């Protein structure tokens, strides 16, 4: 799958007239655009508030997951029995939070609004 360029206007010819098409990305806040002049596909930048939600929410999930991993590890050391389900869930939350925060940072950087 070819990456979609991010721009407010057509990145190839600068035209503002476009038609909307279904996005190919997993996370999209609006439809992609195809330039009426040169048929270049591009996407408008992610809104700043959406990028901030991903950064803050991802940071919260990341910290929660790390706290969960710490708690299950301490309990494991105290009892001597591992809690694989708790560690798996906490690890998953940690990874999800990290990916959400990275997505928010990338959306902020690629939108040109840093």
PDB file of N, CA and C in Angstrom:
ATOM      1  N   UNK A   1       0.840  -1.174   0.000  1.00  0.00           N
ATOM      2  CA  UNK A   1       0.000   0.000   0.000  1.00  0.00           C
ATOM      3  C   UNK A   1       0.890   1.244   0.000  1.00  0.00           C
ATOM      4  N   UNK A   2       0.632   2.126  -0.933  1.00  0.00           N
ATOM      5  CA  UNK A   2       1.406   3.359  -1.081  1.00  0.00           C
ATOM      6  C   UNK A   2       0.965   4.379  -0.035  1.00  0.00           C
ATOM      7  N   UNK A   3       1.924   5.051   0.643  1.00  0.00           N
ATOM      8  CA  UNK A   3       1.528   6.052   1.642  1.00  0.00           C
ATOM      9  C   UNK A   3       0.824   7.239   0.994  1.00  0.00           C
ATOM     10  N   UNK A   4      -0.131   7.794   1.730  1.00  0.00           N
ATOM     11  CA  UNK A   4      -0.892   8.943   1.245  1.00  0.00           C
ATOM     12  C   UNK A   4      -0.227  10.207   1.761  1.00  0.00           C
ATOM     13  N   UNK A   5       0.012  11.158   0.865  1.00  0.00           N
ATOM     14  CA  UNK A   5       0.615  12.433   1.252  1.00  0.00           C
ATOM     15  C   UNK A   5      -0.373  13.258   2.071  1.00  0.00           C
ATOM     16  N   UNK A   6       0.132  14.033   3.013  1.00  0.00           N
ATOM     17  CA  UNK A   6      -0.701  14.879   3.870  1.00  0.00           C
ATOM     18  C   UNK A   6      -0.514  16.329   3.436  1.00  0.00           C
ATOM     19  N   UNK A   7      -1.632  16.986   3.093  1.00  0.00           N
ATOM     20  CA  UNK A   7      -1.560  18.362   2.633  1.00  0.00           C
ATOM     21  C   UNK A   7      -2.951  18.994   2.656  1.00  0.00           C
ATOM     22  N   UNK A   8      -2.999  20.320   2.765  1.00  0.00           N
ATOM     23  CA  UNK A   8      -4.272  21.024   2.689  1.00  0.00           C
ATOM     24  C   UNK A   8      -4.740  21.198   1.242  1.00  0.00           C
ATOM     25  N   UNK A   9      -3.784  21.305   0.318  1.00  0.00           N
ATOM     26  CA  UNK A   9      -4.073  21.414  -1.107  1.00  0.00           C
ATOM     27  C   UNK A   9      -3.303  20.311  -1.821  1.00  0.00           C
ATOM     28  N   UNK A  10      -3.560  20.114  -3.092  1.00  0.00           N
ATOM     29  CA  UNK A  10      -2.871  19.066  -3.837  1.00  0.00           C
ATOM     30  C   UNK A  10      -1.354  19.275  -3.749  1.00  0.00           C
ATOM     31  N   UNK A  11      -0.626  18.262  -3.261  1.00  0.00           N
ATOM     32  CA  UNK A  11       0.821  18.428  -3.115  1.00  0.00           C
ATOM     33  C   UNK A  11       1.570  18.444  -4.446  1.00  0.00           C
ATOM     34  N   UNK A  12       0.915  18.005  -5.517  1.00  0.00           N
ATOM     35  CA  UNK A  12       1.585  17.961  -6.823  1.00  0.00           C
ATOM     36  C   UNK A  12       1.398  19.251  -7.614  1.00  0.00           C
ATOM     37  N   UNK A  13       0.147  19.747  -7.674  1.00  0.00           N
ATOM     38  CA  UNK A  13      -0.103  20.916  -8.525  1.00  0.00           C
ATOM     39  C   UNK A  13      -0.626  22.136  -7.760  1.00  0.00           C
ATOM     40  N   UNK A  14      -0.976  21.978  -6.472  1.00  0.00           N
ATOM     41  CA  UNK A  14      -1.451  23.103  -5.684  1.00  0.00           C
ATOM     42  C   UNK A  14      -2.926  23.422  -5.851  1.00  0.00           C
ATOM     43  N   UNK A  15      -3.642  22.616  -6.602  1.00  0.00           N
ATOM     44  CA  UNK A  15      -5.074  22.831  -6.845  1.00  0.00           C
ATOM     45  C   UNK A  15      -5.870  22.594  -5.555  1.00  0.00           C
ATOM     46  N   UNK A  16      -6.950  23.361  -5.371  1.00  0.00           N
ATOM     47  CA  UNK A  16      -7.791  23.187  -4.180  1.00  0.00           C
ATOM     48  C   UNK A  16      -9.039  22.359  -4.463  1.00  0.00           C
ATOM     49  N   UNK A  17      -9.423  22.250  -5.724  1.00  0.00           N
ATOM     50  CA  UNK A  17     -10.607  21.461  -6.088  1.00  0.00           C
ATOM     51  C   UNK A  17     -10.284  19.979  -5.984  1.00  0.00           C
ATOM     52  N   UNK A  18     -11.152  19.229  -5.318  1.00  0.00           N
ATOM     53  CA  UNK A  18     -10.912  17.803  -5.117  1.00  0.00           C
ATOM     54  C   UNK A  18     -12.238  17.057  -5.000  1.00  0.00           C
ATOM     55  N   UNK A  19     -12.146  15.732  -5.065  1.00  0.00           N
ATOM     56  CA  UNK A  19     -13.295  14.876  -4.753  1.00  0.00           C
ATOM     57  C   UNK A  19     -12.882  14.000  -3.579  1.00  0.00           C
ATOM     58  N   UNK A  20     -13.847  13.579  -2.813  1.00  0.00           N
ATOM     59  CA  UNK A  20     -13.560  12.786  -1.616  1.00  0.00           C
ATOM     60  C   UNK A  20     -13.629  11.293  -1.946  1.00  0.00           C
ATOM     61  N   UNK A  21     -12.712  10.539  -1.348  1.00  0.00           N
ATOM     62  CA  UNK A  21     -12.679   9.089  -1.515  1.00  0.00           C
ATOM     63  C   UNK A  21     -12.459   8.431  -0.150  1.00  0.00           C
ATOM     64  N   UNK A  22     -12.806   7.167  -0.075  1.00  0.00           N
ATOM     65  CA  UNK A  22     -12.661   6.412   1.176  1.00  0.00           C
ATOM     66  C   UNK A  22     -11.182   6.278   1.547  1.00  0.00           C
ATOM     67  N   UNK A  23     -10.830   6.535   2.822  1.00  0.00           N
ATOM     68  CA  UNK A  23      -9.422   6.434   3.245  1.00  0.00           C
ATOM     69  C   UNK A  23      -8.951   4.981   3.257  1.00  0.00           C
ATOM     70  N   UNK A  24      -7.645   4.791   3.049  1.00  0.00           N
ATOM     71  CA  UNK A  24      -7.045   3.466   3.070  1.00  0.00           C
ATOM     72  C   UNK A  24      -6.360   3.179   4.403  1.00  0.00           C
ATOM     73  N   UNK A  25      -6.215   4.198   5.246  1.00  0.00           N
ATOM     74  CA  UNK A  25      -5.543   4.025   6.534  1.00  0.00           C
ATOM     75  C   UNK A  25      -6.495   3.451   7.569  1.00  0.00           C
ATOM     76  N   UNK A  26      -5.914   2.877   8.617  1.00  0.00           N
ATOM     77  CA  UNK A  26      -6.712   2.326   9.708  1.00  0.00           C
ATOM     78  C   UNK A  26      -7.385   3.430  10.514  1.00  0.00           C
ATOM     79  N   UNK A  27      -6.656   4.519  10.769  1.00  0.00           N
ATOM     80  CA  UNK A  27      -7.198   5.637  11.539  1.00  0.00           C
ATOM     81  C   UNK A  27      -7.233   6.863  10.641  1.00  0.00           C
ATOM     82  N   UNK A  28      -8.433   7.384  10.427  1.00  0.00           N
ATOM     83  CA  UNK A  28      -8.594   8.580   9.595  1.00  0.00           C
ATOM     84  C   UNK A  28      -9.738   9.413  10.165  1.00  0.00           C
ATOM     85  N   UNK A  29      -9.576  10.721  10.196  1.00  0.00           N
ATOM     86  CA  UNK A  29     -10.598  11.598  10.753  1.00  0.00           C
ATOM     87  C   UNK A  29     -11.516  12.173   9.685  1.00  0.00           C
ATOM     88  N   UNK A  30     -11.119  12.049   8.450  1.00  0.00           N
ATOM     89  CA  UNK A  30     -11.948  12.514   7.343  1.00  0.00           C
ATOM     90  C   UNK A  30     -11.564  11.723   6.099  1.00  0.00           C
ATOM     91  N   UNK A  31     -12.333  11.873   5.063  1.00  0.00           N
ATOM     92  CA  UNK A  31     -12.043  11.150   3.833  1.00  0.00           C
ATOM     93  C   UNK A  31     -10.808  11.725   3.137  1.00  0.00           C
ATOM     94  N   UNK A  32     -10.141  10.861   2.366  1.00  0.00           N
ATOM     95  CA  UNK A  32      -9.020  11.323   1.558  1.00  0.00           C
ATOM     96  C   UNK A  32      -9.554  12.185   0.417  1.00  0.00           C
ATOM     97  N   UNK A  33      -8.640  12.856  -0.237  1.00  0.00           N
ATOM     98  CA  UNK A  33      -8.996  13.720  -1.359  1.00  0.00           C
ATOM     99  C   UNK A  33      -8.237  13.284  -2.601  1.00  0.00           C
ATOM    100  N   UNK A  34      -8.866  13.455  -3.753  1.00  0.00           N
ATOM    101  CA  UNK A  34      -8.214  13.225  -5.041  1.00  0.00           C
ATOM    102  C   UNK A  34      -8.369  14.498  -5.853  1.00  0.00           C
ATOM    103  N   UNK A  35      -7.239  15.043  -6.285  1.00  0.00           N
ATOM    104  CA  UNK A  35      -7.232  16.298  -7.030  1.00  0.00           C
ATOM    105  C   UNK A  35      -8.012  16.146  -8.332  1.00  0.00           C
ATOM    106  N   UNK A  36      -8.840  17.119  -8.649  1.00  0.00           N
ATOM    107  CA  UNK A  36      -9.620  17.080  -9.893  1.00  0.00           C
ATOM    108  C   UNK A  36      -8.744  17.368 -11.115  1.00  0.00           C
ATOM    109  N   UNK A  37      -7.616  18.044 -10.927  1.00  0.00           N
ATOM    110  CA  UNK A  37      -6.747  18.379 -12.053  1.00  0.00           C
ATOM    111  C   UNK A  37      -5.787  17.254 -12.419  1.00  0.00           C
ATOM    112  N   UNK A  38      -5.098  16.697 -11.417  1.00  0.00           N
ATOM    113  CA  UNK A  38      -4.018  15.742 -11.728  1.00  0.00           C
ATOM    114  C   UNK A  38      -4.222  14.352 -11.121  1.00  0.00           C
ATOM    115  N   UNK A  39      -5.354  14.102 -10.466  1.00  0.00           N
ATOM    116  CA  UNK A  39      -5.691  12.801  -9.859  1.00  0.00           C
ATOM    117  C   UNK A  39      -4.704  12.340  -8.792  1.00  0.00           C
ATOM    118  N   UNK A  40      -4.048  13.269  -8.118  1.00  0.00           N
ATOM    119  CA  UNK A  40      -3.160  12.915  -7.011  1.00  0.00           C
ATOM    120  C   UNK A  40      -4.000  12.699  -5.757  1.00  0.00           C
ATOM    121  N   UNK A  41      -3.745  11.589  -5.079  1.00  0.00           N
ATOM    122  CA  UNK A  41      -4.460  11.295  -3.834  1.00  0.00           C
ATOM    123  C   UNK A  41      -3.688  11.894  -2.667  1.00  0.00           C
ATOM    124  N   UNK A  42      -4.391  12.574  -1.770  1.00  0.00           N
ATOM    125  CA  UNK A  42      -3.768  13.142  -0.582  1.00  0.00           C
ATOM    126  C   UNK A  42      -4.794  13.202   0.544  1.00  0.00           C
ATOM    127  N   UNK A  43      -4.314  13.421   1.746  1.00  0.00           N
ATOM    128  CA  UNK A  43      -5.188  13.488   2.915  1.00  0.00           C
ATOM    129  C   UNK A  43      -4.987  14.818   3.620  1.00  0.00           C
ATOM    130  N   UNK A  44      -6.067  15.385   4.150  1.00  0.00           N
ATOM    131  CA  UNK A  44      -5.897  16.608   4.933  1.00  0.00           C
ATOM    132  C   UNK A  44      -5.203  16.270   6.247  1.00  0.00           C
ATOM    133  N   UNK A  45      -4.516  17.226   6.862  1.00  0.00           N
ATOM    134  CA  UNK A  45      -3.823  16.962   8.135  1.00  0.00           C
ATOM    135  C   UNK A  45      -4.800  16.582   9.248  1.00  0.00           C
ATOM    136  N   UNK A  46      -4.320  15.770  10.179  1.00  0.00           N
ATOM    137  CA  UNK A  46      -5.106  15.418  11.360  1.00  0.00           C
ATOM    138  C   UNK A  46      -5.314  16.686  12.186  1.00  0.00           C
ATOM    139  N   UNK A  47      -6.543  16.919  12.657  1.00  0.00           N
ATOM    140  CA  UNK A  47      -6.763  18.106  13.495  1.00  0.00           C
ATOM    141  C   UNK A  47      -5.874  18.073  14.738  1.00  0.00           C
ATOM    142  N   UNK A  48      -5.419  19.239  15.148  1.00  0.00           N
ATOM    143  CA  UNK A  48      -4.519  19.343  16.305  1.00  0.00           C
ATOM    144  C   UNK A  48      -5.145  18.737  17.562  1.00  0.00           C
ATOM    145  N   UNK A  49      -6.439  18.971  17.763  1.00  0.00           N
ATOM    146  CA  UNK A  49      -7.102  18.431  18.956  1.00  0.00           C
ATOM    147  C   UNK A  49      -7.116  16.906  18.943  1.00  0.00           C
ATOM    148  N   UNK A  50      -7.251  16.299  17.789  1.00  0.00           N
ATOM    149  CA  UNK A  50      -7.230  14.840  17.705  1.00  0.00           C
ATOM    150  C   UNK A  50      -5.835  14.302  18.028  1.00  0.00           C
ATOM    151  N   UNK A  51      -4.814  14.960  17.520  1.00  0.00           N
ATOM    152  CA  UNK A  51      -3.442  14.540  17.828  1.00  0.00           C
ATOM    153  C   UNK A  51      -3.173  14.666  19.324  1.00  0.00           C
ATOM    154  N   UNK A  52      -3.661  15.730  19.942  1.00  0.00           N
ATOM    155  CA  UNK A  52      -3.481  15.910  21.384  1.00  0.00           C
ATOM    156  C   UNK A  52      -4.218  14.838  22.184  1.00  0.00           C
ATOM    157  N   UNK A  53      -5.395  14.443  21.720  1.00  0.00           N
ATOM    158  CA  UNK A  53      -6.136  13.370  22.388  1.00  0.00           C
ATOM    159  C   UNK A  53      -5.335  12.065  22.339  1.00  0.00           C
ATOM    160  N   UNK A  54      -4.743  11.778  21.192  1.00  0.00           N
ATOM    161  CA  UNK A  54      -3.920  10.574  21.078  1.00  0.00           C
ATOM    162  C   UNK A  54      -2.701  10.645  21.988  1.00  0.00           C
ATOM    163  N   UNK A  55      -2.071  11.805  22.069  1.00  0.00           N
ATOM    164  CA  UNK A  55      -0.875  11.946  22.914  1.00  0.00           C
ATOM    165  C   UNK A  55      -1.240  11.799  24.389  1.00  0.00           C
ATOM    166  N   UNK A  56      -2.263  12.513  24.841  1.00  0.00           N
ATOM    167  CA  UNK A  56      -2.652  12.474  26.254  1.00  0.00           C
ATOM    168  C   UNK A  56      -3.228  11.105  26.618  1.00  0.00           C
ATOM    169  N   UNK A  57      -4.144  10.613  25.791  1.00  0.00           N
ATOM    170  CA  UNK A  57      -4.734   9.301  26.060  1.00  0.00           C
ATOM    171  C   UNK A  57      -3.707   8.182  25.996  1.00  0.00           C
ATOM    172  N   UNK A  58      -2.824   8.254  25.011  1.00  0.00           N
ATOM    173  CA  UNK A  58      -1.772   7.250  24.903  1.00  0.00           C
ATOM    174  C   UNK A  58      -0.817   7.301  26.082  1.00  0.00           C
ATOM    175  N   UNK A  59      -0.487   8.503  26.534  1.00  0.00           N
ATOM    176  CA  UNK A  59       0.378   8.636  27.701  1.00  0.00           C
ATOM    177  C   UNK A  59      -0.275   8.055  28.952  1.00  0.00           C
ATOM    178  N   UNK A  60      -1.585   8.297  29.102  1.00  0.00           N
ATOM    179  CA  UNK A  60      -2.313   7.733  30.245  1.00  0.00           C
ATOM    180  C   UNK A  60      -2.306   6.206  30.194  1.00  0.00           C
ATOM    181  N   UNK A  61      -2.604   5.637  29.023  1.00  0.00           N
ATOM    182  CA  UNK A  61      -2.582   4.175  28.888  1.00  0.00           C
ATOM    183  C   UNK A  61      -1.187   3.615  29.117  1.00  0.00           C
ATOM    184  N   UNK A  62      -0.178   4.302  28.601  1.00  0.00           N
ATOM    185  CA  UNK A  62       1.200   3.857  28.786  1.00  0.00           C
ATOM    186  C   UNK A  62       1.557   3.799  30.272  1.00  0.00           C
ATOM    187  N   UNK A  63       1.260   4.867  31.003  1.00  0.00           N
ATOM    188  CA  UNK A  63       1.562   4.899  32.440  1.00  0.00           C
ATOM    189  C   UNK A  63       0.730   3.873  33.212  1.00  0.00           C
ATOM    190  N   UNK A  64      -0.532   3.697  32.827  1.00  0.00           N
ATOM    191  CA  UNK A  64      -1.378   2.696  33.484  1.00  0.00           C
ATOM    192  C   UNK A  64      -0.843   1.293  33.251  1.00  0.00           C
ATOM    193  N   UNK A  65      -0.416   1.019  32.026  1.00  0.00           N
ATOM    194  CA  UNK A  65       0.134  -0.298  31.714  1.00  0.00           C
ATOM    195  C   UNK A  65       1.416  -0.577  32.470  1.00  0.00           C
ATOM    196  N   UNK A  66       2.277   0.428  32.564  1.00  0.00           N
ATOM    197  CA  UNK A  66       3.529   0.264  33.310  1.00  0.00           C
ATOM    198  C   UNK A  66       3.225   0.032  34.790  1.00  0.00           C
ATOM    199  N   UNK A  67       2.256   0.770  35.335  1.00  0.00           N
ATOM    200  CA  UNK A  67       1.872   0.571  36.742  1.00  0.00           C
ATOM    201  C   UNK A  67       1.313  -0.840  36.947  1.00  0.00           C
ATOM    202  N   UNK A  68       0.513  -1.314  35.996  1.00  0.00           N
ATOM    203  CA  UNK A  68      -0.017  -2.673  36.087  1.00  0.00           C
ATOM    204  C   UNK A  68       1.073  -3.723  36.030  1.00  0.00           C
ATOM    205  N   UNK A  69       2.038  -3.517  35.148  1.00  0.00           N
ATOM    206  CA  UNK A  69       3.174  -4.445  35.076  1.00  0.00           C
ATOM    207  C   UNK A  69       3.971  -4.432  36.378  1.00  0.00           C
ATOM    208  N   UNK A  70       4.167  -3.254  36.953  1.00  0.00           N
ATOM    209  CA  UNK A  70       4.894  -3.158  38.225  1.00  0.00           C
ATOM    210  C   UNK A  70       4.129  -3.875  39.330  1.00  0.00           C
ATOM    211  N   UNK A  71       2.819  -3.677  39.386  1.00  0.00           N
ATOM    212  CA  UNK A  71       2.004  -4.310  40.429  1.00  0.00           C
ATOM    213  C   UNK A  71       2.012  -5.831  40.294  1.00  0.00           C
ATOM    214  N   UNK A  72       1.871  -6.347  39.073  1.00  0.00           N
ATOM    215  CA  UNK A  72       1.875  -7.801  38.897  1.00  0.00           C
ATOM    216  C   UNK A  72       3.256  -8.386  39.175  1.00  0.00           C
ATOM    217  N   UNK A  73       4.302  -7.638  38.859  1.00  0.00           N
ATOM    218  CA  UNK A  73       5.659  -8.121  39.149  1.00  0.00           C
ATOM    219  C   UNK A  73       5.919  -8.147  40.650  1.00  0.00           C
ATOM    220  N   UNK A  74       5.495  -7.108  41.353  1.00  0.00           N
ATOM    221  CA  UNK A  74       5.666  -7.069  42.816  1.00  0.00           C
ATOM    222  C   UNK A  74       4.865  -8.193  43.478  1.00  0.00           C
ATOM    223  N   UNK A  75       3.636  -8.403  42.999  1.00  0.00           N
ATOM    224  CA  UNK A  75       2.823  -9.495  43.539  1.00  0.00           C
ATOM    225  C   UNK A  75       3.473 -10.842  43.250  1.00  0.00           C
ATOM    226  N   UNK A  76       4.053 -10.985  42.077  1.00  0.00           N
ATOM    227  CA  UNK A  76       4.729 -12.230  41.717  1.00  0.00           C
ATOM    228  C   UNK A  76       5.907 -12.480  42.656  1.00  0.00           C
ATOM    229  N   UNK A  77       6.703 -11.434  42.899  1.00  0.00           N
ATOM    230  CA  UNK A  77       7.851 -11.577  43.794  1.00  0.00           C
ATOM    231  C   UNK A  77       7.410 -11.862  45.225  1.00  0.00           C
ATOM    232  N   UNK A  78       6.285 -11.288  45.657  1.00  0.00           N
ATOM    233  CA  UNK A  78       5.793 -11.489  47.012  1.00  0.00           C
ATOM    234  C   UNK A  78       5.181 -12.866  47.227  1.00  0.00           C
ATOM    235  N   UNK A  79       4.402 -13.340  46.251  1.00  0.00           N
ATOM    236  CA  UNK A  79       3.719 -14.626  46.383  1.00  0.00           C
ATOM    237  C   UNK A  79       4.525 -15.781  45.832  1.00  0.00           C
ATOM    238  N   UNK A  80       5.367 -15.468  44.871  1.00  0.00           N
ATOM    239  CA  UNK A  80       6.118 -16.535  44.218  1.00  0.00           C
ATOM    240  C   UNK A  80       5.368 -17.180  43.070  1.00  0.00           C
ATOM    241  N   UNK A  81       4.146 -16.722  42.797  1.00  0.00           N
ATOM    242  CA  UNK A  81       3.369 -17.263  41.685  1.00  0.00           C
ATOM    243  C   UNK A  81       3.145 -16.158  40.651  1.00  0.00           C
ATOM    244  N   UNK A  82       3.459 -16.421  39.413  1.00  0.00           N
ATOM    245  CA  UNK A  82       3.246 -15.389  38.388  1.00  0.00           C
ATOM    246  C   UNK A  82       1.759 -15.229  38.066  1.00  0.00           C
ATOM    247  N   UNK A  83       1.401 -14.048  37.595  1.00  0.00           N
ATOM    248  CA  UNK A  83       0.033 -13.762  37.140  1.00  0.00           C
ATOM    249  C   UNK A  83       0.113 -13.477  35.642  1.00  0.00           C
ATOM    250  N   UNK A  84       0.141 -14.540  34.815  1.00  0.00           N
ATOM    251  CA  UNK A  84       0.350 -14.305  33.381  1.00  0.00           C
ATOM    252  C   UNK A  84      -0.769 -13.505  32.720  1.00  0.00           C
ATOM    253  N   UNK A  85      -2.005 -13.685  33.171  1.00  0.00           N
ATOM    254  CA  UNK A  85      -3.113 -12.930  32.569  1.00  0.00           C
ATOM    255  C   UNK A  85      -2.964 -11.440  32.885  1.00  0.00           C
ATOM    256  N   UNK A  86      -2.678 -11.119  34.132  1.00  0.00           N
ATOM    257  CA  UNK A  86      -2.482  -9.715  34.518  1.00  0.00           C
ATOM    258  C   UNK A  86      -1.314  -9.086  33.795  1.00  0.00           C
ATOM    259  N   UNK A  87      -0.226  -9.837  33.652  1.00  0.00           N
ATOM    260  CA  UNK A  87       0.946  -9.308  32.947  1.00  0.00           C
ATOM    261  C   UNK A  87       0.645  -9.118  31.459  1.00  0.00           C
ATOM    262  N   UNK A  88      -0.098 -10.048  30.887  1.00  0.00           N
ATOM    263  CA  UNK A  88      -0.448  -9.941  29.473  1.00  0.00           C
ATOM    264  C   UNK A  88      -1.339  -8.730  29.211  1.00  0.00           C
ATOM    265  N   UNK A  89      -2.330  -8.535  30.075  1.00  0.00           N
ATOM    266  CA  UNK A  89      -3.229  -7.383  29.911  1.00  0.00           C
ATOM    267  C   UNK A  89      -2.454  -6.073  30.121  1.00  0.00           C
ATOM    268  N   UNK A  90      -1.647  -6.011  31.167  1.00  0.00           N
ATOM    269  CA  UNK A  90      -0.865  -4.799  31.431  1.00  0.00           C
ATOM    270  C   UNK A  90       0.127  -4.523  30.304  1.00  0.00           C
ATOM    271  N   UNK A  91       0.748  -5.571  29.799  1.00  0.00           N
ATOM    272  CA  UNK A  91       1.671  -5.398  28.676  1.00  0.00           C
ATOM    273  C   UNK A  91       0.959  -4.902  27.435  1.00  0.00           C
ATOM    274  N   UNK A  92      -0.238  -5.437  27.179  1.00  0.00           N
ATOM    275  CA  UNK A  92      -1.026  -4.986  26.030  1.00  0.00           C
ATOM    276  C   UNK A  92      -1.435  -3.534  26.147  1.00  0.00           C
ATOM    277  N   UNK A  93      -1.850  -3.123  27.345  1.00  0.00           N
ATOM    278  CA  UNK A  93      -2.222  -1.718  27.573  1.00  0.00           C
ATOM    279  C   UNK A  93      -1.008  -0.809  27.388  1.00  0.00           C
ATOM    280  N   UNK A  94       0.157  -1.281  27.843  1.00  0.00           N
ATOM    281  CA  UNK A  94       1.389  -0.501  27.680  1.00  0.00           C
ATOM    282  C   UNK A  94       1.708  -0.296  26.206  1.00  0.00           C
ATOM    283  N   UNK A  95       1.646  -1.362  25.431  1.00  0.00           N
ATOM    284  CA  UNK A  95       1.945  -1.278  23.995  1.00  0.00           C
ATOM    285  C   UNK A  95       0.916  -0.395  23.295  1.00  0.00           C
ATOM    286  N   UNK A  96      -0.361  -0.569  23.622  1.00  0.00           N
ATOM    287  CA  UNK A  96      -1.416   0.243  23.007  1.00  0.00           C
ATOM    288  C   UNK A  96      -1.215   1.729  23.313  1.00  0.00           C
ATOM    289  N   UNK A  97      -0.878   2.039  24.568  1.00  0.00           N
ATOM    290  CA  UNK A  97      -0.624   3.430  24.939  1.00  0.00           C
ATOM    291  C   UNK A  97       0.563   4.015  24.204  1.00  0.00           C
ATOM    292  N   UNK A  98       1.623   3.229  24.079  1.00  0.00           N
ATOM    293  CA  UNK A  98       2.809   3.691  23.353  1.00  0.00           C
ATOM    294  C   UNK A  98       2.466   3.985  21.891  1.00  0.00           C
ATOM    295  N   UNK A  99       1.749   3.056  21.255  1.00  0.00           N
ATOM    296  CA  UNK A  99       1.396   3.248  19.837  1.00  0.00           C
ATOM    297  C   UNK A  99       0.475   4.444  19.643  1.00  0.00           C
ATOM    298  N   UNK A 100      -0.470   4.654  20.565  1.00  0.00           N
ATOM    299  CA  UNK A 100      -1.370   5.809  20.459  1.00  0.00           C
ATOM    300  C   UNK A 100      -0.602   7.113  20.608  1.00  0.00           C
ATOM    301  N   UNK A 101       0.313   7.167  21.565  1.00  0.00           N
ATOM    302  CA  UNK A 101       1.105   8.387  21.767  1.00  0.00           C
ATOM    303  C   UNK A 101       1.989   8.669  20.554  1.00  0.00           C
ATOM    304  N   UNK A 102       2.611   7.639  20.011  1.00  0.00           N
ATOM    305  CA  UNK A 102       3.451   7.811  18.818  1.00  0.00           C
ATOM    306  C   UNK A 102       2.606   8.291  17.644  1.00  0.00           C
ATOM    307  N   UNK A 103       1.406   7.732  17.485  1.00  0.00           N
ATOM    308  CA  UNK A 103       0.524   8.172  16.397  1.00  0.00           C
ATOM    309  C   UNK A 103       0.173   9.657  16.555  1.00  0.00           C
ATOM    310  N   UNK A 104      -0.121  10.079  17.774  1.00  0.00           N
ATOM    311  CA  UNK A 104      -0.439  11.491  18.022  1.00  0.00           C
ATOM    312  C   UNK A 104       0.737  12.404  17.727  1.00  0.00           C
ATOM    313  N   UNK A 105       1.928  11.984  18.128  1.00  0.00           N
ATOM    314  CA  UNK A 105       3.132  12.792  17.864  1.00  0.00           C
ATOM    315  C   UNK A 105       3.384  12.887  16.363  1.00  0.00           C
ATOM    316  N   UNK A 106       3.266  11.750  15.665  1.00  0.00           N
ATOM    317  CA  UNK A 106       3.468  11.767  14.209  1.00  0.00           C
ATOM    318  C   UNK A 106       2.426  12.630  13.518  1.00  0.00           C
ATOM    319  N   UNK A 107       1.173  12.553  13.970  1.00  0.00           N
ATOM    320  CA  UNK A 107       0.119  13.376  13.371  1.00  0.00           C
ATOM    321  C   UNK A 107       0.415  14.854  13.577  1.00  0.00           C
ATOM    322  N   UNK A 108       0.933  15.202  14.736  1.00  0.00           N
ATOM    323  CA  UNK A 108       1.271  16.602  15.023  1.00  0.00           C
ATOM    324  C   UNK A 108       2.450  17.057  14.150  1.00  0.00           C
ATOM    325  N   UNK A 109       3.469  16.215  14.017  1.00  0.00           N
ATOM    326  CA  UNK A 109       4.652  16.575  13.230  1.00  0.00           C
ATOM    327  C   UNK A 109       4.307  16.678  11.750  1.00  0.00           C
ATOM    328  N   UNK A 110       3.588  15.688  11.218  1.00  0.00           N
ATOM    329  CA  UNK A 110       3.300  15.684   9.781  1.00  0.00           C
ATOM    330  C   UNK A 110       2.251  16.703   9.384  1.00  0.00           C
ATOM    331  N   UNK A 111       1.500  17.221  10.364  1.00  0.00           N
ATOM    332  CA  UNK A 111       0.538  18.252  10.006  1.00  0.00           C
ATOM    333  C   UNK A 111       1.215  19.607   9.859  1.00  0.00           C
ATOM    334  N   UNK A 112       2.490  19.686  10.278  1.00  0.00           N
ATOM    335  CA  UNK A 112       3.225  20.935  10.163  1.00  0.00           C
ATOM    336  C   UNK A 112       2.841  21.947  11.221  1.00  0.00           C
ATOM    337  N   UNK A 113       2.262  21.498  12.326  1.00  0.00           N
ATOM    338  CA  UNK A 113       1.774  22.423  13.345  1.00  0.00           C
ATOM    339  C   UNK A 113       2.524  22.287  14.651  1.00  0.00           C
ATOM    340  N   UNK A 114       3.755  21.880  14.628  1.00  0.00           N
ATOM    341  CA  UNK A 114       4.522  21.711  15.872  1.00  0.00           C
ATOM    342  C   UNK A 114       5.069  23.056  16.299  1.00  0.00           C
TER     343      UNK A 114
END
